[in-house]
Amino acid sequence: MDEAVIRRILTAAQRTPSWCNAQPWRVITTSGAATEA
């Protein structure tokens, strides 16, 4: 899929509420060769 769509998902999800706005998540996304590996 187009990277722009993935970025749109990630940008929206970044608005998730969290305790004290700590935003503890870190996310690794894969495409292409990285997914196959």
PDB file of all heavy atoms in Angstrom:
ATOM      1  N   MET A   1       0.831  -1.198   0.000  1.00  0.00           N
ATOM      2  CA  MET A   1       0.000   0.000   0.000  1.00  0.00           C
ATOM      3  C   MET A   1       0.866   1.249   0.000  1.00  0.00           C
ATOM      4  O   MET A   1       2.056   1.216   0.350  1.00  0.00           O
ATOM      5  CB  MET A   1      -0.952   0.000   1.200  1.00  0.00           C
ATOM      6  CG  MET A   1      -0.278   0.033   2.546  1.00  0.00           C
ATOM      7  SD  MET A   1      -1.438  -0.318   3.898  1.00  0.00           S
ATOM      8  CE  MET A   1      -2.489   1.109   3.854  1.00  0.00           C
ATOM      9  N   ASP A   2       0.278   2.341  -0.367  1.00  0.00           N
ATOM     10  CA  ASP A   2       0.968   3.618  -0.440  1.00  0.00           C
ATOM     11  C   ASP A   2       1.416   4.041   0.955  1.00  0.00           C
ATOM     12  O   ASP A   2       0.645   3.993   1.915  1.00  0.00           O
ATOM     13  CB  ASP A   2       0.005   4.657  -1.030  1.00  0.00           C
ATOM     14  CG  ASP A   2       0.707   5.954  -1.422  1.00  0.00           C
ATOM     15  OD1 ASP A   2       1.685   6.342  -0.743  1.00  0.00           O
ATOM     16  OD2 ASP A   2       0.261   6.575  -2.394  1.00  0.00           O
ATOM     17  N   GLU A   3       2.655   4.481   1.078  1.00  0.00           N
ATOM     18  CA  GLU A   3       3.176   4.921   2.371  1.00  0.00           C
ATOM     19  C   GLU A   3       2.359   6.063   2.948  1.00  0.00           C
ATOM     20  O   GLU A   3       2.231   6.188   4.172  1.00  0.00           O
ATOM     21  CB  GLU A   3       4.636   5.360   2.229  1.00  0.00           C
ATOM     22  CG  GLU A   3       5.271   5.773   3.541  1.00  0.00           C
ATOM     23  CD  GLU A   3       6.722   6.171   3.389  1.00  0.00           C
ATOM     24  OE1 GLU A   3       7.504   5.368   2.836  1.00  0.00           O
ATOM     25  OE2 GLU A   3       7.061   7.294   3.825  1.00  0.00           O
ATOM     26  N   ALA A   4       1.764   6.872   2.092  1.00  0.00           N
ATOM     27  CA  ALA A   4       0.969   8.001   2.578  1.00  0.00           C
ATOM     28  C   ALA A   4      -0.232   7.527   3.387  1.00  0.00           C
ATOM     29  O   ALA A   4      -0.637   8.188   4.353  1.00  0.00           O
ATOM     30  CB  ALA A   4       0.505   8.854   1.399  1.00  0.00           C
ATOM     31  N   VAL A   5      -0.815   6.379   3.015  1.00  0.00           N
ATOM     32  CA  VAL A   5      -1.954   5.843   3.763  1.00  0.00           C
ATOM     33  C   VAL A   5      -1.488   5.346   5.128  1.00  0.00           C
ATOM     34  O   VAL A   5      -2.160   5.571   6.147  1.00  0.00           O
ATOM     35  CB  VAL A   5      -2.643   4.709   2.972  1.00  0.00           C
ATOM     36  CG1 VAL A   5      -3.822   4.144   3.765  1.00  0.00           C
ATOM     37  CG2 VAL A   5      -3.108   5.206   1.617  1.00  0.00           C
ATOM     38  N   ILE A   6      -0.330   4.685   5.160  1.00  0.00           N
ATOM     39  CA  ILE A   6       0.214   4.217   6.442  1.00  0.00           C
ATOM     40  C   ILE A   6       0.479   5.409   7.353  1.00  0.00           C
ATOM     41  O   ILE A   6       0.143   5.388   8.547  1.00  0.00           O
ATOM     42  CB  ILE A   6       1.503   3.398   6.225  1.00  0.00           C
ATOM     43  CG1 ILE A   6       1.225   2.182   5.343  1.00  0.00           C
ATOM     44  CG2 ILE A   6       2.082   2.960   7.575  1.00  0.00           C
ATOM     45  CD1 ILE A   6       2.459   1.380   4.986  1.00  0.00           C
ATOM     46  N   ARG A   7       1.066   6.457   6.807  1.00  0.00           N
ATOM     47  CA  ARG A   7       1.345   7.656   7.605  1.00  0.00           C
ATOM     48  C   ARG A   7       0.049   8.285   8.120  1.00  0.00           C
ATOM     49  O   ARG A   7       0.002   8.799   9.246  1.00  0.00           O
ATOM     50  CB  ARG A   7       2.132   8.667   6.780  1.00  0.00           C
ATOM     51  CG  ARG A   7       3.570   8.253   6.535  1.00  0.00           C
ATOM     52  CD  ARG A   7       4.362   9.345   5.842  1.00  0.00           C
ATOM     53  NE  ARG A   7       5.749   8.967   5.663  1.00  0.00           N
ATOM     54  CZ  ARG A   7       6.689   9.094   6.593  1.00  0.00           C
ATOM     55  NH1 ARG A   7       6.366   9.621   7.771  1.00  0.00           N
ATOM     56  NH2 ARG A   7       7.934   8.727   6.365  1.00  0.00           N
ATOM     57  N   ARG A   8      -1.001   8.223   7.331  1.00  0.00           N
ATOM     58  CA  ARG A   8      -2.284   8.771   7.765  1.00  0.00           C
ATOM     59  C   ARG A   8      -2.829   7.989   8.953  1.00  0.00           C
ATOM     60  O   ARG A   8      -3.349   8.569   9.911  1.00  0.00           O
ATOM     61  CB  ARG A   8      -3.277   8.734   6.602  1.00  0.00           C
ATOM     62  CG  ARG A   8      -4.570   9.483   6.862  1.00  0.00           C
ATOM     63  CD  ARG A   8      -5.438   9.512   5.622  1.00  0.00           C
ATOM     64  NE  ARG A   8      -6.726  10.134   5.892  1.00  0.00           N
ATOM     65  CZ  ARG A   8      -7.734  10.159   5.034  1.00  0.00           C
ATOM     66  NH1 ARG A   8      -7.590   9.599   3.832  1.00  0.00           N
ATOM     67  NH2 ARG A   8      -8.871  10.742   5.358  1.00  0.00           N
ATOM     68  N   ILE A   9      -2.703   6.661   8.909  1.00  0.00           N
ATOM     69  CA  ILE A   9      -3.130   5.825  10.037  1.00  0.00           C
ATOM     70  C   ILE A   9      -2.325   6.158  11.283  1.00  0.00           C
ATOM     71  O   ILE A   9      -2.871   6.356  12.379  1.00  0.00           O
ATOM     72  CB  ILE A   9      -2.991   4.330   9.685  1.00  0.00           C
ATOM     73  CG1 ILE A   9      -3.954   3.951   8.551  1.00  0.00           C
ATOM     74  CG2 ILE A   9      -3.243   3.455  10.916  1.00  0.00           C
ATOM     75  CD1 ILE A   9      -3.697   2.564   7.979  1.00  0.00           C
ATOM     76  N   LEU A  10      -1.007   6.246  11.126  1.00  0.00           N
ATOM     77  CA  LEU A  10      -0.130   6.513  12.262  1.00  0.00           C
ATOM     78  C   LEU A  10      -0.382   7.901  12.852  1.00  0.00           C
ATOM     79  O   LEU A  10      -0.355   8.084  14.075  1.00  0.00           O
ATOM     80  CB  LEU A  10       1.325   6.386  11.826  1.00  0.00           C
ATOM     81  CG  LEU A  10       1.776   4.982  11.401  1.00  0.00           C
ATOM     82  CD1 LEU A  10       3.145   5.044  10.736  1.00  0.00           C
ATOM     83  CD2 LEU A  10       1.803   4.031  12.590  1.00  0.00           C
ATOM     84  N   THR A  11      -0.642   8.881  11.991  1.00  0.00           N
ATOM     85  CA  THR A  11      -0.891  10.245  12.461  1.00  0.00           C
ATOM     86  C   THR A  11      -2.177  10.310  13.272  1.00  0.00           C
ATOM     87  O   THR A  11      -2.243  10.959  14.326  1.00  0.00           O
ATOM     88  CB  THR A  11      -0.956  11.208  11.272  1.00  0.00           C
ATOM     89  OG1 THR A  11       0.306  11.200  10.595  1.00  0.00           O
ATOM     90  CG2 THR A  11      -1.260  12.630  11.733  1.00  0.00           C
ATOM     91  N   ALA A  12      -3.218   9.616  12.788  1.00  0.00           N
ATOM     92  CA  ALA A  12      -4.484   9.603  13.527  1.00  0.00           C
ATOM     93  C   ALA A  12      -4.339   8.870  14.854  1.00  0.00           C
ATOM     94  O   ALA A  12      -4.824   9.338  15.897  1.00  0.00           O
ATOM     95  CB  ALA A  12      -5.571   8.956  12.682  1.00  0.00           C
ATOM     96  N   ALA A  13      -3.654   7.732  14.843  1.00  0.00           N
ATOM     97  CA  ALA A  13      -3.486   6.945  16.068  1.00  0.00           C
ATOM     98  C   ALA A  13      -2.674   7.698  17.114  1.00  0.00           C
ATOM     99  O   ALA A  13      -2.835   7.459  18.321  1.00  0.00           O
ATOM    100  CB  ALA A  13      -2.822   5.610  15.745  1.00  0.00           C
ATOM    101  N   GLN A  14      -1.849   8.626  16.676  1.00  0.00           N
ATOM    102  CA  GLN A  14      -1.031   9.390  17.611  1.00  0.00           C
ATOM    103  C   GLN A  14      -1.877  10.288  18.521  1.00  0.00           C
ATOM    104  O   GLN A  14      -1.404  10.756  19.555  1.00  0.00           O
ATOM    105  CB  GLN A  14      -0.004  10.234  16.839  1.00  0.00           C
ATOM    106  CG  GLN A  14       1.092  10.843  17.678  1.00  0.00           C
ATOM    107  CD  GLN A  14       1.941   9.804  18.402  1.00  0.00           C
ATOM    108  OE1 GLN A  14       2.073   8.669  17.935  1.00  0.00           O
ATOM    109  NE2 GLN A  14       2.494  10.175  19.549  1.00  0.00           N
ATOM    110  N   ARG A  15      -3.140  10.463  18.186  1.00  0.00           N
ATOM    111  CA  ARG A  15      -4.040  11.250  19.031  1.00  0.00           C
ATOM    112  C   ARG A  15      -4.609  10.427  20.182  1.00  0.00           C
ATOM    113  O   ARG A  15      -5.396  10.944  20.985  1.00  0.00           O
ATOM    114  CB  ARG A  15      -5.204  11.803  18.195  1.00  0.00           C
ATOM    115  CG  ARG A  15      -4.787  12.685  17.023  1.00  0.00           C
ATOM    116  CD  ARG A  15      -3.957  13.866  17.455  1.00  0.00           C
ATOM    117  NE  ARG A  15      -4.611  14.670  18.492  1.00  0.00           N
ATOM    118  CZ  ARG A  15      -4.037  15.689  19.122  1.00  0.00           C
ATOM    119  NH1 ARG A  15      -2.791  16.029  18.840  1.00  0.00           N
ATOM    120  NH2 ARG A  15      -4.706  16.358  20.043  1.00  0.00           N
ATOM    121  N   THR A  16      -4.205   9.184  20.323  1.00  0.00           N
ATOM    122  CA  THR A  16      -4.683   8.321  21.404  1.00  0.00           C
ATOM    123  C   THR A  16      -4.400   8.954  22.768  1.00  0.00           C
ATOM    124  O   THR A  16      -3.282   9.407  23.027  1.00  0.00           O
ATOM    125  CB  THR A  16      -3.981   6.951  21.338  1.00  0.00           C
ATOM    126  OG1 THR A  16      -4.261   6.346  20.082  1.00  0.00           O
ATOM    127  CG2 THR A  16      -4.432   6.041  22.459  1.00  0.00           C
ATOM    128  N   PRO A  17      -5.389   8.969  23.673  1.00  0.00           N
ATOM    129  CA  PRO A  17      -5.134   9.488  25.025  1.00  0.00           C
ATOM    130  C   PRO A  17      -4.261   8.521  25.817  1.00  0.00           C
ATOM    131  O   PRO A  17      -4.290   7.307  25.587  1.00  0.00           O
ATOM    132  CB  PRO A  17      -6.541   9.591  25.626  1.00  0.00           C
ATOM    133  CG  PRO A  17      -7.354   8.594  24.872  1.00  0.00           C
ATOM    134  CD  PRO A  17      -6.800   8.566  23.486  1.00  0.00           C
ATOM    135  N   SER A  18      -3.487   9.045  26.737  1.00  0.00           N
ATOM    136  CA  SER A  18      -2.636   8.210  27.588  1.00  0.00           C
ATOM    137  C   SER A  18      -2.456   8.878  28.944  1.00  0.00           C
ATOM    138  O   SER A  18      -2.646  10.098  29.088  1.00  0.00           O
ATOM    139  CB  SER A  18      -1.267   7.986  26.934  1.00  0.00           C
ATOM    140  OG  SER A  18      -0.622   9.231  26.670  1.00  0.00           O
ATOM    141  N   TRP A  19      -2.086   8.072  29.928  1.00  0.00           N
ATOM    142  CA  TRP A  19      -1.915   8.565  31.292  1.00  0.00           C
ATOM    143  C   TRP A  19      -0.847   9.653  31.322  1.00  0.00           C
ATOM    144  O   TRP A  19       0.290   9.431  30.900  1.00  0.00           O
ATOM    145  CB  TRP A  19      -1.515   7.398  32.196  1.00  0.00           C
ATOM    146  CG  TRP A  19      -1.598   7.709  33.671  1.00  0.00           C
ATOM    147  CD1 TRP A  19      -1.715   8.921  34.263  1.00  0.00           C
ATOM    148  CD2 TRP A  19      -1.575   6.743  34.724  1.00  0.00           C
ATOM    149  NE1 TRP A  19      -1.760   8.804  35.622  1.00  0.00           N
ATOM    150  CE2 TRP A  19      -1.677   7.464  35.951  1.00  0.00           C
ATOM    151  CE3 TRP A  19      -1.476   5.371  34.783  1.00  0.00           C
ATOM    152  CZ2 TRP A  19      -1.673   6.838  37.191  1.00  0.00           C
ATOM    153  CZ3 TRP A  19      -1.478   4.754  36.021  1.00  0.00           C
ATOM    154  CH2 TRP A  19      -1.583   5.475  37.206  1.00  0.00           C
ATOM    155  N   CYS A  20      -1.220  10.840  31.814  1.00  0.00           N
ATOM    156  CA  CYS A  20      -0.322  11.996  31.892  1.00  0.00           C
ATOM    157  C   CYS A  20       0.238  12.380  30.518  1.00  0.00           C
ATOM    158  O   CYS A  20       1.291  13.017  30.421  1.00  0.00           O
ATOM    159  CB  CYS A  20       0.837  11.737  32.860  1.00  0.00           C
ATOM    160  SG  CYS A  20       0.325  11.468  34.561  1.00  0.00           S
ATOM    161  N   ASN A  21      -0.453  11.951  29.463  1.00  0.00           N
ATOM    162  CA  ASN A  21      -0.014  12.202  28.088  1.00  0.00           C
ATOM    163  C   ASN A  21       1.393  11.664  27.837  1.00  0.00           C
ATOM    164  O   ASN A  21       2.166  12.210  27.045  1.00  0.00           O
ATOM    165  CB  ASN A  21      -0.066  13.705  27.760  1.00  0.00           C
ATOM    166  CG  ASN A  21      -0.008  13.976  26.264  1.00  0.00           C
ATOM    167  OD1 ASN A  21      -0.519  13.201  25.454  1.00  0.00           O
ATOM    168  ND2 ASN A  21       0.625  15.072  25.882  1.00  0.00           N
ATOM    169  N   ALA A  22       1.728  10.555  28.512  1.00  0.00           N
ATOM    170  CA  ALA A  22       3.069   9.981  28.385  1.00  0.00           C
ATOM    171  C   ALA A  22       3.338   9.421  26.993  1.00  0.00           C
ATOM    172  O   ALA A  22       4.487   9.371  26.553  1.00  0.00           O
ATOM    173  CB  ALA A  22       3.264   8.881  29.423  1.00  0.00           C
ATOM    174  N   GLN A  23       2.273   8.961  26.301  1.00  0.00           N
ATOM    175  CA  GLN A  23       2.424   8.394  24.952  1.00  0.00           C
ATOM    176  C   GLN A  23       3.542   7.343  24.929  1.00  0.00           C
ATOM    177  O   GLN A  23       4.549   7.495  24.238  1.00  0.00           O
ATOM    178  CB  GLN A  23       2.712   9.511  23.940  1.00  0.00           C
ATOM    179  CG  GLN A  23       1.672  10.624  23.933  1.00  0.00           C
ATOM    180  CD  GLN A  23       2.100  11.826  23.116  1.00  0.00           C
ATOM    181  OE1 GLN A  23       2.426  11.699  21.941  1.00  0.00           O
ATOM    182  NE2 GLN A  23       2.121  12.994  23.755  1.00  0.00           N
ATOM    183  N   PRO A  24       3.372   6.247  25.693  1.00  0.00           N
ATOM    184  CA  PRO A  24       4.456   5.282  25.868  1.00  0.00           C
ATOM    185  C   PRO A  24       4.756   4.422  24.654  1.00  0.00           C
ATOM    186  O   PRO A  24       5.777   3.726  24.619  1.00  0.00           O
ATOM    187  CB  PRO A  24       3.956   4.415  27.025  1.00  0.00           C
ATOM    188  CG  PRO A  24       2.468   4.456  26.887  1.00  0.00           C
ATOM    189  CD  PRO A  24       2.167   5.873  26.452  1.00  0.00           C
ATOM    190  N   TRP A  25       3.884   4.433  23.661  1.00  0.00           N
ATOM    191  CA  TRP A  25       4.077   3.557  22.516  1.00  0.00           C
ATOM    192  C   TRP A  25       5.221   4.032  21.620  1.00  0.00           C
ATOM    193  O   TRP A  25       5.478   5.214  21.436  1.00  0.00           O
ATOM    194  CB  TRP A  25       2.783   3.496  21.691  1.00  0.00           C
ATOM    195  CG  TRP A  25       2.208   4.853  21.399  1.00  0.00           C
ATOM    196  CD1 TRP A  25       2.563   5.726  20.399  1.00  0.00           C
ATOM    197  CD2 TRP A  25       1.188   5.519  22.155  1.00  0.00           C
ATOM    198  NE1 TRP A  25       1.816   6.876  20.475  1.00  0.00           N
ATOM    199  CE2 TRP A  25       0.968   6.788  21.528  1.00  0.00           C
ATOM    200  CE3 TRP A  25       0.420   5.174  23.274  1.00  0.00           C
ATOM    201  CZ2 TRP A  25       0.023   7.703  22.007  1.00  0.00           C
ATOM    202  CZ3 TRP A  25      -0.513   6.085  23.746  1.00  0.00           C
ATOM    203  CH2 TRP A  25      -0.704   7.332  23.113  1.00  0.00           C
ATOM    204  N   ARG A  26       5.927   3.077  21.080  1.00  0.00           N
ATOM    205  CA  ARG A  26       6.842   3.283  19.959  1.00  0.00           C
ATOM    206  C   ARG A  26       6.475   2.207  18.948  1.00  0.00           C
ATOM    207  O   ARG A  26       6.152   1.082  19.322  1.00  0.00           O
ATOM    208  CB  ARG A  26       8.307   3.161  20.372  1.00  0.00           C
ATOM    209  CG  ARG A  26       8.771   4.259  21.307  1.00  0.00           C
ATOM    210  CD  ARG A  26       8.837   5.608  20.595  1.00  0.00           C
ATOM    211  NE  ARG A  26       9.291   6.673  21.497  1.00  0.00           N
ATOM    212  CZ  ARG A  26       8.519   7.401  22.265  1.00  0.00           C
ATOM    213  NH1 ARG A  26       7.208   7.168  22.296  1.00  0.00           N
ATOM    214  NH2 ARG A  26       9.001   8.345  23.028  1.00  0.00           N
ATOM    215  N   VAL A  27       6.524   2.549  17.674  1.00  0.00           N
ATOM    216  CA  VAL A  27       6.011   1.652  16.643  1.00  0.00           C
ATOM    217  C   VAL A  27       7.052   1.468  15.547  1.00  0.00           C
ATOM    218  O   VAL A  27       7.638   2.442  15.056  1.00  0.00           O
ATOM    219  CB  VAL A  27       4.714   2.221  16.024  1.00  0.00           C
ATOM    220  CG1 VAL A  27       4.106   1.224  15.040  1.00  0.00           C
ATOM    221  CG2 VAL A  27       3.709   2.582  17.111  1.00  0.00           C
ATOM    222  N   ILE A  28       7.285   0.215  15.191  1.00  0.00           N
ATOM    223  CA  ILE A  28       8.118  -0.124  14.043  1.00  0.00           C
ATOM    224  C   ILE A  28       7.185  -0.651  12.965  1.00  0.00           C
ATOM    225  O   ILE A  28       6.426  -1.588  13.203  1.00  0.00           O
ATOM    226  CB  ILE A  28       9.162  -1.198  14.399  1.00  0.00           C
ATOM    227  CG1 ILE A  28      10.111  -0.689  15.488  1.00  0.00           C
ATOM    228  CG2 ILE A  28       9.951  -1.628  13.158  1.00  0.00           C
ATOM    229  CD1 ILE A  28      10.998  -1.764  16.088  1.00  0.00           C
ATOM    230  N   THR A  29       7.210  -0.048  11.778  1.00  0.00           N
ATOM    231  CA  THR A  29       6.395  -0.543  10.678  1.00  0.00           C
ATOM    232  C   THR A  29       7.296  -1.138   9.600  1.00  0.00           C
ATOM    233  O   THR A  29       8.434  -0.698   9.416  1.00  0.00           O
ATOM    234  CB  THR A  29       5.530   0.573  10.055  1.00  0.00           C
ATOM    235  OG1 THR A  29       6.384   1.570   9.483  1.00  0.00           O
ATOM    236  CG2 THR A  29       4.634   1.217  11.096  1.00  0.00           C
ATOM    237  N   THR A  30       6.779  -2.143   8.910  1.00  0.00           N
ATOM    238  CA  THR A  30       7.570  -2.805   7.873  1.00  0.00           C
ATOM    239  C   THR A  30       6.813  -2.835   6.554  1.00  0.00           C
ATOM    240  O   THR A  30       5.590  -2.923   6.521  1.00  0.00           O
ATOM    241  CB  THR A  30       7.933  -4.246   8.268  1.00  0.00           C
ATOM    242  OG1 THR A  30       6.747  -5.055   8.277  1.00  0.00           O
ATOM    243  CG2 THR A  30       8.597  -4.311   9.629  1.00  0.00           C
ATOM    244  N   SER A  31       7.574  -2.779   5.489  1.00  0.00           N
ATOM    245  CA  SER A  31       7.065  -2.923   4.134  1.00  0.00           C
ATOM    246  C   SER A  31       8.100  -3.703   3.325  1.00  0.00           C
ATOM    247  O   SER A  31       9.270  -3.795   3.713  1.00  0.00           O
ATOM    248  CB  SER A  31       6.843  -1.553   3.471  1.00  0.00           C
ATOM    249  OG  SER A  31       5.942  -0.762   4.198  1.00  0.00           O
ATOM    250  N   GLY A  32       7.676  -4.249   2.200  1.00  0.00           N
ATOM    251  CA  GLY A  32       8.599  -4.851   1.255  1.00  0.00           C
ATOM    252  C   GLY A  32       9.544  -5.870   1.867  1.00  0.00           C
ATOM    253  O   GLY A  32       9.142  -6.809   2.554  1.00  0.00           O
ATOM    254  N   ALA A  33      10.854  -5.651   1.616  1.00  0.00           N
ATOM    255  CA  ALA A  33      11.872  -6.601   2.069  1.00  0.00           C
ATOM    256  C   ALA A  33      11.900  -6.728   3.588  1.00  0.00           C
ATOM    257  O   ALA A  33      12.213  -7.801   4.124  1.00  0.00           O
ATOM    258  CB  ALA A  33      13.244  -6.168   1.551  1.00  0.00           C
ATOM    259  N   ALA A  34      11.584  -5.650   4.301  1.00  0.00           N
ATOM    260  CA  ALA A  34      11.599  -5.702   5.769  1.00  0.00           C
ATOM    261  C   ALA A  34      10.513  -6.633   6.297  1.00  0.00           C
ATOM    262  O   ALA A  34      10.731  -7.371   7.267  1.00  0.00           O
ATOM    263  CB  ALA A  34      11.420  -4.310   6.346  1.00  0.00           C
ATOM    264  N   THR A  35       9.339  -6.621   5.653  1.00  0.00           N
ATOM    265  CA  THR A  35       8.279  -7.540   6.064  1.00  0.00           C
ATOM    266  C   THR A  35       8.685  -8.971   5.769  1.00  0.00           C
ATOM    267  O   THR A  35       8.467  -9.877   6.589  1.00  0.00           O
ATOM    268  CB  THR A  35       6.958  -7.214   5.340  1.00  0.00           C
ATOM    269  OG1 THR A  35       6.575  -5.876   5.636  1.00  0.00           O
ATOM    270  CG2 THR A  35       5.847  -8.154   5.791  1.00  0.00           C
ATOM    271  N   GLU A  36       9.279  -9.209   4.604  1.00  0.00           N
ATOM    272  CA  GLU A  36       9.687 -10.573   4.253  1.00  0.00           C
ATOM    273  C   GLU A  36      10.764 -11.091   5.201  1.00  0.00           C
ATOM    274  O   GLU A  36      10.746 -12.258   5.599  1.00  0.00           O
ATOM    275  CB  GLU A  36      10.191 -10.626   2.806  1.00  0.00           C
ATOM    276  CG  GLU A  36       9.089 -10.502   1.776  1.00  0.00           C
ATOM    277  CD  GLU A  36       7.972 -11.512   2.001  1.00  0.00           C
ATOM    278  OE1 GLU A  36       8.270 -12.717   2.136  1.00  0.00           O
ATOM    279  OE2 GLU A  36       6.801 -11.097   2.055  1.00  0.00           O
ATOM    280  N   ALA A  37      11.693 -10.225   5.586  1.00  0.00           N
ATOM    281  CA  ALA A  37      12.742 -10.634   6.527  1.00  0.00           C
ATOM    282  C   ALA A  37      12.148 -10.996   7.875  1.00  0.00           C
ATOM    283  O   ALA A  37      12.561 -11.978   8.518  1.00  0.00           O
ATOM    284  CB  ALA A  37      13.771  -9.519   6.677  1.00  0.00           C
TER     285      ALA A  37
END
